[in-house]
Protein backbone atom coordinates (compact mmCIF):
# COMPACT_ATOMS: atom_id res chain seq x y z
CA GLN A 1 121.80 100.36 139.46
CA VAL A 2 118.76 102.97 139.71
CA GLN A 3 115.56 101.14 139.26
CA PHE A 4 111.60 102.40 138.77
CA VAL A 5 109.35 99.39 138.82
CA GLU A 6 105.68 100.54 138.07
CA SER A 7 102.75 98.51 138.56
CA GLY A 8 98.89 98.82 138.84
CA GLY A 9 97.79 99.55 134.92
CA GLY A 10 95.17 98.12 133.37
CA SER A 11 92.19 98.42 131.10
CA VAL A 12 89.07 100.26 132.41
CA GLN A 13 86.09 102.27 131.01
CA PRO A 14 85.52 105.74 130.88
CA GLY A 15 84.90 106.87 134.43
CA GLY A 16 87.08 104.34 135.85
CA SER A 17 89.86 104.36 138.39
CA LEU A 18 93.19 102.77 138.65
CA LYS A 19 95.98 103.33 141.35
CA LEU A 20 99.44 102.91 140.09
CA SER A 21 102.45 102.05 142.09
CA CYS A 22 106.42 102.69 141.67
CA ALA A 23 109.00 101.17 143.65
CA VAL A 24 112.04 102.93 143.50
CA SER A 25 115.84 101.78 144.34
CA LEU A 26 117.49 105.18 144.74
CA ARG A 27 118.47 105.95 148.13
CA PRO A 28 117.73 108.11 150.10
CA PHE A 29 114.38 107.99 148.66
CA SER A 30 112.86 110.61 150.78
CA ILE A 31 114.83 113.40 149.63
CA LEU A 32 114.03 112.89 145.90
CA ALA A 33 111.43 115.05 144.22
CA MET A 34 109.60 112.36 141.99
CA GLY A 35 107.29 112.33 139.19
CA TRP A 36 104.84 110.20 137.12
CA TYR A 37 105.09 110.78 133.43
CA ARG A 38 102.95 109.30 130.46
CA LEU A 39 104.01 108.40 126.84
CA ALA A 40 101.46 108.11 124.28
CA PRO A 41 102.15 106.72 120.76
CA GLY A 42 103.86 109.50 118.84
CA LYS A 43 104.52 111.80 121.58
CA GLN A 44 106.97 112.45 124.27
CA HIS A 45 107.17 111.81 127.74
CA ASP A 46 104.78 114.10 129.55
CA LEU A 47 104.71 115.07 133.08
CA VAL A 48 101.69 114.11 134.83
CA ALA A 49 102.19 114.77 138.36
CA HIS A 50 105.19 115.42 140.98
CA ILE A 51 105.78 115.26 144.60
CA LEU A 52 108.40 117.05 146.36
CA SER A 53 110.50 115.56 149.31
CA LYS A 54 108.03 117.59 151.70
CA GLY A 55 105.11 116.41 150.09
CA SER A 56 103.70 119.23 148.30
CA THR A 57 102.43 118.31 144.85
CA ASP A 58 101.60 119.91 141.65
CA TYR A 59 99.72 118.30 138.22
CA ALA A 60 99.34 118.91 134.77
CA ASP A 61 95.92 120.82 134.01
CA SER A 62 94.39 117.96 132.19
CA VAL A 63 94.58 115.74 135.44
CA LYS A 64 93.85 118.29 137.96
CA GLY A 65 91.10 117.10 140.32
CA ARG A 66 91.19 113.59 139.06
CA PHE A 67 94.71 112.27 139.80
CA THR A 68 96.45 112.20 143.23
CA ILE A 69 100.27 111.72 143.51
CA SER A 70 101.60 110.41 146.98
CA ARG A 71 104.60 108.66 148.46
CA ASP A 72 105.57 106.27 151.46
CA ASN A 73 109.25 107.00 151.92
CA ALA A 74 109.25 103.85 154.40
CA LYS A 75 108.40 101.78 151.35
CA ASN A 76 110.52 103.70 148.63
CA THR A 77 107.46 103.87 146.88
CA VAL A 78 105.39 106.73 145.12
CA TYR A 79 101.85 106.19 143.99
CA LEU A 80 99.29 107.70 141.43
CA GLN A 81 95.69 107.47 142.01
CA MET A 82 93.74 108.26 138.75
CA ASN A 83 89.92 108.78 139.25
CA SER A 84 87.48 109.74 136.57
CA LEU A 85 89.47 108.45 133.78
CA LYS A 86 89.26 109.47 130.10
CA PRO A 87 90.26 107.74 126.84
CA GLU A 88 92.68 110.48 126.62
CA ASP A 89 94.54 108.98 129.72
CA THR A 90 95.40 106.16 127.68
CA ALA A 91 99.29 105.85 127.67
CA VAL A 92 102.18 103.95 129.23
CA TYR A 93 102.91 105.47 132.80
CA TYR A 94 106.31 106.01 134.22
CA CYS A 95 107.85 107.07 137.37
CA HIS A 96 111.10 108.90 137.54
CA THR A 97 112.76 111.53 139.35
CA ARG A 98 111.58 115.29 138.93
CA PRO A 99 113.31 116.22 136.72
CA PRO A 100 114.41 112.96 135.14
CA VAL A 101 117.89 112.91 135.64
CA PHE A 102 118.93 109.45 134.74
CA THR A 103 118.70 108.05 131.04
CA LEU A 104 117.29 104.88 132.28
CA TRP A 105 113.60 104.41 132.58
CA GLY A 106 111.68 101.68 134.10
CA PRO A 107 109.35 99.34 132.03
CA GLY A 108 106.40 101.77 132.70
CA THR A 109 102.76 100.42 133.12
CA GLN A 110 99.96 100.50 130.47
CA VAL A 111 96.91 102.25 130.99
CA ILE A 112 93.87 101.74 128.47
CA VAL A 113 90.67 103.51 128.94
CA SER A 114 88.13 102.66 126.47
CA SER A 115 84.20 101.63 126.25
């Protein structure tokens, strides 16, 4: 069964940093394009960043220069380093394939940016 398990969220002040992790049960993980998505109240899952199997990355305009996606294929894990956080980054963050090909999503990890 496919599993995505996100962790690393929390509550930070504007300008702070967090690093999210996502353990993925899919095999072989190394060939998958992966993405981080976020879900804010009243909105749909928005793609924040994605990383292809060979490591190339792309980002939503709203997070370019602040967020960095990476992956460790040996650990079947994808990461999202978030710096210079803003209140508008507040959301539940999820990882999934890019595009999301499964209906099942993980539990997500909550990020709250507030002073």
